[in-house]
Amino acid sequence: MVVTIEKLIYGGEGLGHHDGHTVFVPFVLPGEVAEVETIENKKKFIRGRARSLLTASPERATPPCRHFADCGGCHYQHIPYEAQLRYKTEILRETLGRIGRIAWDGPVAVHASPPLGYRNRAQWKVRPIARGNGQVQGSSTIALGYFRAGSSALCAVGECPILSPRLEETMVGLRAAVAMGEFPPALREIEGFVDASEKKVLLTASFAGFPIAADKLQAKFRTAAPWLESLLLIDSARDRMELFGSGFLRYEVAGTSYRVGHMSFFQVNRFLIEEMAVTVANEAGRGRLALDLYSGVGLFTLPLAKSFERVISVEANPASARDLEENIRTNQSRAEPKNASVEDFLLKWKESPDLALLDPPRAGFEPDALARLVQLAPARIIYVSCEPSTLARDLAALVREGYALEEVHLFDLFPETFHIESLARLTRRR
């Protein structure tokens, strides 16, 4: 079928129509006319792939990575970066209106990033590959890479331009070690995290059982990545872990050192972390009491503690909570850490805050917890979101309860992908 692409939607696909059906196609641009092959045919929509472009957009760019469209990690490398920002802004506005019924016609403050070399964290899959698929004599039948687009099959990669230089160097070293059979076939995944100075790397490797001694595995990882600071080996078959090294990295943001451990969450864009922390602090203002909910290791907690008399920092993940406590202690912050779920914390908390900072996972705020937060009546709310649809849903609930949306920011933490990180500031009107 021939489809004219009308717009881009959240998720990385282009949308068009054909014979009464809505058609979704990846790796296209608005205005392009594509010959589309059907991949999935449902009652109300069709998913397809572009077999050829009959009319290409003048905006179409040459992808910087040779694995693009095969590897599932990136979605927008065929789009110039300035256009990516424009499309993401349009998608954010449209999502707020369609799901939240919020007609935001004010400015969206866009915080751009260098589009390549930005990631400080990555997860590499290790899976079997077909014999003869670039395999050299005597090499392993497993390879390292990412899942293919729309699949759980491996795309073995030789480069990844969105990684920081040290992290890509680490990936290349591990890829070579895997290809030469240095690691056992039970290896399933390796996660890498690099510090702000691009000197030290933390690796977490997951296995379906350790067929050899853990200390021998450690030696192989250190040979592949000599700058390795800490290594955590996870044997999921026996629920066993082995740690070699400190267990964490020190990551400096705006002159503050944060401890970040193997299992802790931290923002992945090394170029925008500081700008994001500073923006949150500026939007927060000053006051007596702030609640930092879903605080992670305290990226926003420590700046808030400089502007508020009291900051309560709530984090449920045990690993992140340990790092949070240590970061508060070593930075001599006045913040108070709480290792609890946000839902449980809010049920017990009684005092109305000047500010509530919300940074929930993709699923957004639990409805009961959001209702309880409204009862506490914070004067201001800052909502940091990595999922526009749940942001729109939760903002709609807050607006119904008397809050006014006053500021919207878009932080492009994930260039070359469809992902959108945003910040909304609200003020209580009644």
Protein backbone atom coordinates (compact mmCIF):
# COMPACT_ATOMS: atom_id res chain seq x y z
CA MET A 1 0.00 0.00 0.00
CA VAL A 2 1.05 3.60 -0.56
CA VAL A 3 0.84 5.79 2.55
CA THR A 4 1.42 9.51 3.07
CA ILE A 5 2.95 10.16 6.49
CA GLU A 6 0.98 12.86 8.29
CA LYS A 7 2.90 13.23 11.56
CA LEU A 8 5.22 11.56 14.05
CA ILE A 9 3.74 10.07 17.23
CA TYR A 10 5.26 9.12 20.58
CA GLY A 11 6.95 5.76 20.18
CA GLY A 12 9.02 6.65 17.12
CA GLU A 13 6.53 5.85 14.37
CA GLY A 14 4.98 7.93 11.64
CA LEU A 15 1.20 7.97 11.27
CA GLY A 16 -0.79 7.82 8.05
CA HIS A 17 -4.08 6.41 6.74
CA HIS A 18 -5.02 3.85 4.12
CA ASP A 19 -8.42 2.45 3.19
CA GLY A 20 -10.01 3.48 6.51
CA HIS A 21 -7.14 2.19 8.63
CA THR A 22 -4.62 4.12 10.68
CA VAL A 23 -1.13 3.03 9.61
CA PHE A 24 2.00 3.18 11.77
CA VAL A 25 5.42 3.12 10.08
CA PRO A 26 8.87 3.56 11.69
CA PHE A 27 11.86 5.49 10.30
CA VAL A 28 9.83 7.95 8.22
CA LEU A 29 9.17 11.71 8.26
CA PRO A 30 6.01 13.81 7.92
CA GLY A 31 5.19 14.52 4.28
CA GLU A 32 6.95 11.42 2.96
CA VAL A 33 5.08 9.03 0.69
CA ALA A 34 6.08 5.42 1.29
CA GLU A 35 5.32 2.05 -0.19
CA VAL A 36 4.47 0.13 2.98
CA GLU A 37 4.51 -3.60 3.64
CA THR A 38 2.05 -4.82 6.30
CA ILE A 39 3.64 -6.39 9.39
CA GLU A 40 0.62 -6.45 11.70
CA ASN A 41 -3.02 -6.04 10.68
CA LYS A 42 -5.51 -5.26 13.44
CA LYS A 43 -9.15 -4.22 13.29
CA LYS A 44 -8.45 -0.49 13.67
CA PHE A 45 -4.80 -0.11 12.70
CA ILE A 46 -1.96 -1.51 10.63
CA ARG A 47 1.72 -1.63 11.50
CA GLY A 48 4.08 -1.75 8.57
CA ARG A 49 7.56 -1.08 7.29
CA ALA A 50 8.56 1.20 4.45
CA ARG A 51 9.79 -0.89 1.53
CA SER A 52 10.63 2.22 -0.46
CA LEU A 53 10.16 5.98 -0.35
CA LEU A 54 8.24 7.34 -3.32
CA THR A 55 8.66 10.89 -2.00
CA ALA A 56 11.40 11.63 0.54
CA SER A 57 11.36 14.59 2.90
CA PRO A 58 13.96 17.28 2.19
CA GLU A 59 14.75 17.09 5.93
CA ARG A 60 15.86 13.45 5.72
CA ALA A 61 19.44 13.03 6.96
CA THR A 62 22.11 10.35 6.70
CA PRO A 63 22.19 8.31 9.96
CA PRO A 64 25.53 8.58 11.81
CA CYS A 65 25.46 4.88 12.74
CA ARG A 66 25.63 2.01 10.25
CA HIS A 67 23.43 -0.15 12.51
CA PHE A 68 20.51 2.31 12.49
CA ALA A 69 17.08 0.78 11.71
CA ASP A 70 18.49 -2.69 12.38
CA CYS A 71 19.45 -2.02 15.99
CA GLY A 72 16.46 -1.09 18.14
CA GLY A 73 18.23 1.52 20.26
CA CYS A 74 17.64 4.64 18.11
CA HIS A 75 14.58 5.84 16.21
CA TYR A 76 15.40 9.32 14.86
CA GLN A 77 18.87 9.18 13.30
CA HIS A 78 17.29 9.89 9.91
CA ILE A 79 16.06 13.25 11.27
CA PRO A 80 18.33 16.33 11.72
CA TYR A 81 18.72 17.18 15.38
CA GLU A 82 16.95 20.55 15.31
CA ALA A 83 13.99 18.85 13.65
CA GLN A 84 14.00 16.13 16.34
CA LEU A 85 13.55 18.83 18.98
CA ARG A 86 10.72 20.41 17.01
CA TYR A 87 8.89 17.11 16.60
CA LYS A 88 9.33 16.18 20.27
CA THR A 89 7.93 19.55 21.34
CA GLU A 90 4.90 19.03 19.08
CA ILE A 91 4.38 15.50 20.46
CA LEU A 92 4.57 16.76 24.05
CA ARG A 93 1.98 19.49 23.39
CA GLU A 94 -0.28 17.07 21.53
CA THR A 95 -0.08 14.46 24.33
CA LEU A 96 -0.95 17.03 27.01
CA GLY A 97 -3.99 18.04 24.96
CA ARG A 98 -5.18 14.60 23.84
CA ILE A 99 -4.76 12.71 27.12
CA GLY A 100 -4.82 15.49 29.73
CA ARG A 101 -7.16 17.95 27.95
CA ILE A 102 -4.54 20.57 28.78
CA ALA A 103 -4.26 23.13 25.97
CA TRP A 104 -0.77 24.37 26.79
CA ASP A 105 -0.15 27.29 24.46
CA GLY A 106 2.69 28.78 26.48
CA PRO A 107 6.35 28.28 25.63
CA VAL A 108 8.10 24.94 26.06
CA ALA A 109 11.64 25.63 27.26
CA VAL A 110 13.79 23.19 25.28
CA HIS A 111 17.11 22.05 26.74
CA ALA A 112 19.13 20.57 23.88
CA SER A 113 22.01 18.12 24.13
CA PRO A 114 24.85 17.22 21.81
CA PRO A 115 23.12 14.46 19.82
CA LEU A 116 26.02 11.99 19.97
CA GLY A 117 28.36 10.77 22.70
CA TYR A 118 25.90 11.64 25.45
CA ARG A 119 25.12 8.36 27.23
CA ASN A 120 26.92 7.54 30.46
CA ARG A 121 25.06 4.24 30.86
CA ALA A 122 24.22 1.37 28.51
CA GLN A 123 22.96 -2.22 28.62
CA TRP A 124 24.44 -4.70 26.17
CA LYS A 125 22.78 -8.02 25.44
CA VAL A 126 24.81 -11.17 24.88
CA ARG A 127 23.09 -13.78 22.73
CA PRO A 128 23.82 -16.54 20.20
CA ILE A 129 24.44 -15.57 16.58
CA ALA A 130 24.05 -17.62 13.42
CA ARG A 131 27.22 -19.35 12.25
CA GLY A 132 28.81 -17.62 9.31
CA ASN A 133 27.29 -14.26 10.24
CA GLY A 134 30.59 -12.40 10.22
CA GLN A 135 32.09 -15.12 12.40
CA VAL A 136 35.82 -15.79 12.13
CA GLN A 137 37.48 -19.17 12.43
CA GLY A 138 37.59 -20.33 16.04
CA SER A 139 35.47 -17.48 17.39
CA SER A 140 32.52 -17.78 19.73
CA THR A 141 28.92 -18.35 18.63
CA ILE A 142 27.72 -15.59 20.97
CA ALA A 143 27.99 -11.88 20.37
CA LEU A 144 27.38 -8.56 22.14
CA GLY A 145 25.00 -5.85 21.03
CA TYR A 146 21.42 -4.63 21.34
CA PHE A 147 18.09 -6.14 20.45
CA ARG A 148 16.92 -5.56 16.89
CA ALA A 149 14.10 -3.10 16.29
CA GLY A 150 10.82 -4.70 17.37
CA SER A 151 12.48 -7.98 18.29
CA SER A 152 14.34 -9.90 20.98
CA ALA A 153 16.89 -11.14 18.44
CA LEU A 154 20.42 -9.78 18.77
CA CYS A 155 21.88 -7.06 16.59
CA ALA A 156 25.65 -7.46 17.05
CA VAL A 157 27.14 -3.96 16.91
CA GLY A 158 30.64 -2.72 16.23
CA GLU A 159 29.96 0.90 17.15
CA CYS A 160 27.46 3.01 19.09
CA PRO A 161 27.86 6.75 18.46
CA ILE A 162 25.44 7.81 21.22
CA LEU A 163 27.74 6.37 23.94
CA SER A 164 30.33 8.49 25.71
CA PRO A 165 33.85 7.81 24.34
CA ARG A 166 34.95 5.75 27.36
CA LEU A 167 31.73 3.76 27.39
CA GLU A 168 32.01 2.98 23.68
CA GLU A 169 35.63 1.98 24.24
CA THR A 170 34.41 -0.36 26.97
CA MET A 171 31.79 -1.84 24.66
CA VAL A 172 34.38 -2.49 21.94
CA GLY A 173 36.69 -4.25 24.42
CA LEU A 174 33.88 -6.43 25.76
CA ARG A 175 32.65 -7.19 22.25
CA ALA A 176 36.08 -8.47 21.26
CA ALA A 177 36.34 -10.60 24.41
CA VAL A 178 32.90 -12.11 23.80
CA ALA A 179 33.71 -12.82 20.15
CA MET A 180 36.88 -14.69 21.12
CA GLY A 181 35.06 -16.84 23.65
CA GLU A 182 36.55 -15.25 26.78
CA PHE A 183 33.18 -15.34 28.53
CA PRO A 184 30.93 -18.37 29.01
CA PRO A 185 27.70 -18.76 27.00
CA ALA A 186 25.74 -18.28 30.25
CA LEU A 187 26.51 -14.53 30.07
CA ARG A 188 23.25 -12.69 29.26
CA GLU A 189 23.73 -8.96 29.80
CA ILE A 190 26.34 -6.36 30.74
CA GLU A 191 25.45 -2.92 32.01
CA GLY A 192 28.11 -0.21 31.93
CA PHE A 193 28.18 3.15 33.74
CA VAL A 194 30.98 5.72 33.41
CA ASP A 195 31.82 8.62 35.71
CA ALA A 196 31.68 12.29 34.74
CA SER A 197 35.44 12.47 34.16
CA GLU A 198 35.32 9.61 31.63
CA LYS A 199 37.98 7.71 33.60
CA LYS A 200 36.29 4.93 35.57
CA VAL A 201 33.64 2.40 34.63
CA LEU A 202 31.26 0.33 36.70
CA LEU A 203 30.06 -2.97 35.15
CA THR A 204 27.18 -5.24 36.16
CA ALA A 205 27.18 -8.62 34.41
CA SER A 206 24.21 -11.01 34.56
CA PHE A 207 24.64 -14.77 34.02
CA ALA A 208 22.41 -17.82 33.94
CA GLY A 209 24.94 -19.48 36.27
CA PHE A 210 28.71 -19.11 36.75
CA PRO A 211 30.37 -22.07 35.01
CA ILE A 212 33.81 -20.89 36.17
CA ALA A 213 35.11 -19.27 39.36
CA ALA A 214 34.02 -15.66 39.86
CA ASP A 215 37.58 -14.42 40.36
CA LYS A 216 38.55 -15.82 36.95
CA LEU A 217 35.62 -14.01 35.38
CA GLN A 218 36.74 -10.82 37.09
CA ALA A 219 40.20 -11.11 35.52
CA LYS A 220 38.66 -11.45 32.06
CA PHE A 221 36.53 -8.33 32.54
CA ARG A 222 39.52 -6.32 33.75
CA THR A 223 41.52 -7.38 30.70
CA ALA A 224 38.70 -6.22 28.39
CA ALA A 225 38.24 -2.94 30.33
CA PRO A 226 41.43 -2.00 32.27
CA TRP A 227 39.75 1.16 33.65
CA LEU A 228 37.17 -0.97 35.50
CA GLU A 229 36.48 0.46 38.97
CA SER A 230 33.85 -1.99 40.21
CA LEU A 231 32.35 -5.23 38.92
CA LEU A 232 29.18 -6.94 40.10
CA LEU A 233 28.52 -10.48 38.86
CA ILE A 234 24.92 -11.70 39.17
CA ASP A 235 24.06 -15.40 38.94
CA SER A 236 20.29 -15.40 38.46
CA ALA A 237 20.10 -19.20 38.44
CA ARG A 238 21.40 -19.42 42.02
CA ASP A 239 20.34 -15.96 43.27
CA ARG A 240 24.00 -15.21 43.93
CA MET A 241 26.13 -12.07 43.60
CA GLU A 242 29.88 -11.47 43.65
CA LEU A 243 31.30 -7.96 43.99
CA PHE A 244 34.83 -6.94 43.03
CA GLY A 245 35.72 -3.34 43.83
CA SER A 246 34.06 -0.47 45.65
CA GLY A 247 30.50 -1.14 44.52
CA PHE A 248 30.00 2.43 43.31
CA LEU A 249 31.36 5.37 41.32
CA ARG A 250 31.66 9.01 42.35
CA TYR A 251 29.84 11.23 39.86
CA GLU A 252 30.38 14.99 40.08
CA VAL A 253 27.54 17.36 39.20
CA ALA A 254 27.90 21.14 39.63
CA GLY A 255 30.66 20.71 42.19
CA THR A 256 28.78 18.08 44.21
CA SER A 257 30.01 14.48 44.37
CA TYR A 258 27.32 11.78 44.21
CA ARG A 259 27.89 8.14 45.05
CA VAL A 260 26.12 5.94 42.47
CA GLY A 261 26.08 2.18 43.00
CA HIS A 262 25.52 -0.79 40.70
CA MET A 263 21.76 -1.06 41.24
CA SER A 264 21.00 2.66 41.62
CA PHE A 265 19.21 4.97 39.20
CA PHE A 266 20.99 8.02 37.78
CA GLN A 267 20.31 10.23 34.77
CA VAL A 268 22.00 8.94 31.60
CA ASN A 269 22.74 12.13 29.65
CA ARG A 270 26.15 13.37 30.82
CA PHE A 271 25.68 16.74 29.10
CA LEU A 272 22.35 17.70 30.70
CA ILE A 273 22.57 16.35 34.27
CA GLU A 274 23.91 19.62 35.68
CA GLU A 275 21.49 21.78 33.69
CA MET A 276 18.60 19.65 34.87
CA ALA A 277 19.62 19.83 38.54
CA VAL A 278 20.09 23.61 38.33
CA THR A 279 16.75 24.11 36.56
CA VAL A 280 14.89 22.08 39.18
CA ALA A 281 16.50 24.12 41.96
CA ASN A 282 15.60 27.41 40.24
CA GLU A 283 12.00 26.37 39.60
CA ALA A 284 11.65 25.13 43.19
CA GLY A 285 12.28 28.52 44.76
CA ARG A 286 12.79 28.73 48.52
CA GLY A 287 10.77 27.76 51.56
CA ARG A 288 10.37 25.93 54.81
CA LEU A 289 9.64 22.32 53.73
CA ALA A 290 10.19 20.36 50.50
CA LEU A 291 9.31 16.73 49.77
CA ASP A 292 11.55 15.02 47.18
CA LEU A 293 9.54 11.98 46.11
CA TYR A 294 11.21 9.18 44.11
CA SER A 295 14.51 10.87 44.90
CA GLY A 296 16.99 8.23 43.68
CA VAL A 297 20.49 8.93 44.98
CA GLY A 298 19.61 12.56 45.72
CA LEU A 299 20.43 14.42 42.49
CA PHE A 300 17.75 17.00 43.29
CA THR A 301 17.74 16.54 47.07
CA LEU A 302 21.11 18.15 47.70
CA PRO A 303 20.43 21.36 45.71
CA LEU A 304 16.98 21.67 47.33
CA ALA A 305 18.54 21.45 50.80
CA LYS A 306 20.38 24.71 50.11
CA SER A 307 17.09 26.59 49.56
CA PHE A 308 14.72 24.94 52.03
CA GLU A 309 14.92 24.75 55.80
CA ARG A 310 13.93 21.09 55.67
CA VAL A 311 13.95 18.51 52.84
CA ILE A 312 12.47 15.01 53.19
CA SER A 313 13.89 12.70 50.52
CA VAL A 314 11.89 9.51 49.82
CA GLU A 315 13.28 6.52 47.90
CA ALA A 316 12.03 2.90 47.92
CA ASN A 317 14.85 1.15 46.05
CA PRO A 318 17.27 -0.18 48.72
CA ALA A 319 20.39 0.39 46.62
CA SER A 320 19.47 3.96 45.72
CA ALA A 321 18.39 4.61 49.32
CA ARG A 322 21.83 3.54 50.60
CA ASP A 323 23.53 5.87 48.14
CA LEU A 324 21.09 8.63 49.09
CA GLU A 325 21.98 8.33 52.78
CA GLU A 326 25.69 8.36 51.97
CA ASN A 327 25.35 11.39 49.67
CA ILE A 328 23.48 13.33 52.33
CA ARG A 329 26.08 12.40 54.94
CA THR A 330 29.24 13.11 52.91
CA ASN A 331 27.89 16.41 51.62
CA GLN A 332 26.79 17.43 55.13
CA SER A 333 23.32 18.16 53.83
CA ARG A 334 20.34 19.01 56.05
CA ALA A 335 18.09 16.66 54.05
CA GLU A 336 16.42 13.71 55.78
CA PRO A 337 16.42 10.39 53.86
CA LYS A 338 13.46 7.99 54.05
CA ASN A 339 13.73 4.44 52.68
CA ALA A 340 10.05 3.86 51.93
CA SER A 341 7.60 3.73 49.07
CA VAL A 342 6.10 7.09 48.19
CA GLU A 343 2.64 5.62 48.75
CA ASP A 344 3.43 4.46 52.30
CA PHE A 345 5.24 7.68 53.14
CA LEU A 346 2.39 9.94 52.02
CA LEU A 347 -0.19 7.94 53.98
CA LYS A 348 1.70 8.70 57.20
CA TRP A 349 2.92 12.24 56.48
CA LYS A 350 0.79 15.06 57.92
CA GLU A 351 2.59 18.35 57.29
CA SER A 352 1.79 20.51 54.25
CA PRO A 353 4.95 21.25 52.23
CA ASP A 354 5.90 24.39 50.35
CA LEU A 355 7.13 22.19 47.52
CA ALA A 356 6.57 18.62 46.33
CA LEU A 357 9.07 17.40 43.75
CA LEU A 358 7.80 14.35 41.88
CA ASP A 359 10.06 12.19 39.70
CA PRO A 360 8.11 8.93 39.30
CA PRO A 361 8.86 5.98 36.99
CA ARG A 362 7.18 5.66 33.59
CA ALA A 363 3.94 4.43 35.15
CA GLY A 364 3.53 7.82 36.80
CA PHE A 365 2.02 8.51 40.22
CA GLU A 366 -0.25 5.96 41.85
CA PRO A 367 -3.78 7.47 41.87
CA ASP A 368 -4.22 6.95 45.64
CA ALA A 369 -0.84 8.56 46.33
CA LEU A 370 -1.67 11.52 44.10
CA ALA A 371 -4.99 11.97 45.90
CA ARG A 372 -3.16 11.94 49.24
CA LEU A 373 -0.63 14.47 47.94
CA VAL A 374 -3.48 16.80 46.97
CA GLN A 375 -4.83 16.49 50.53
CA LEU A 376 -1.44 17.65 51.83
CA ALA A 377 -1.87 20.72 49.58
CA PRO A 378 1.71 21.63 48.64
CA ALA A 379 1.94 25.25 47.52
CA ARG A 380 4.04 24.27 44.49
CA ILE A 381 4.60 21.03 42.58
CA ILE A 382 7.42 20.20 40.20
CA TYR A 383 6.74 17.07 38.17
CA VAL A 384 9.70 15.51 36.33
CA SER A 385 8.52 12.90 33.82
CA CYS A 386 10.02 10.42 31.38
CA GLU A 387 6.61 9.43 29.93
CA PRO A 388 4.36 12.11 28.36
CA SER A 389 1.16 10.04 28.57
CA THR A 390 1.31 9.48 32.34
CA LEU A 391 2.47 13.07 32.84
CA ALA A 392 -0.64 14.28 30.98
CA ARG A 393 -2.89 11.99 33.02
CA ASP A 394 -1.43 13.15 36.36
CA LEU A 395 -1.35 16.83 35.41
CA ALA A 396 -5.04 16.59 34.46
CA ALA A 397 -5.81 15.24 37.95
CA LEU A 398 -3.84 18.05 39.59
CA VAL A 399 -5.50 20.75 37.48
CA ARG A 400 -8.93 19.38 38.47
CA GLU A 401 -7.88 19.74 42.10
CA GLY A 402 -7.06 23.41 41.79
CA TYR A 403 -3.46 23.52 40.52
CA ALA A 404 -2.43 25.73 37.61
CA LEU A 405 0.24 24.66 35.13
CA GLU A 406 2.73 27.52 34.88
CA GLU A 407 5.90 26.20 33.25
CA VAL A 408 6.87 23.38 30.88
CA HIS A 409 10.41 22.28 30.03
CA LEU A 410 11.63 19.60 27.62
CA PHE A 411 15.02 18.09 28.43
CA ASP A 412 16.32 16.11 25.47
CA LEU A 413 18.07 13.47 27.55
CA PHE A 414 17.75 10.90 24.74
CA PRO A 415 18.72 12.40 21.35
CA GLU A 416 18.23 10.15 18.30
CA THR A 417 15.36 8.37 20.10
CA PHE A 418 11.64 9.09 20.62
CA HIS A 419 11.98 9.37 24.40
CA ILE A 420 10.95 12.66 26.03
CA GLU A 421 11.96 13.94 29.46
CA SER A 422 9.91 16.89 30.65
CA LEU A 423 9.40 19.13 33.68
CA ALA A 424 6.16 20.82 34.68
CA ARG A 425 5.74 23.41 37.44
CA LEU A 426 2.34 23.91 39.04
CA THR A 427 1.00 26.32 41.68
CA ARG A 428 -1.98 25.75 43.97
CA ARG A 429 -4.78 28.22 43.23
CA ARG A 430 -7.26 27.12 45.92
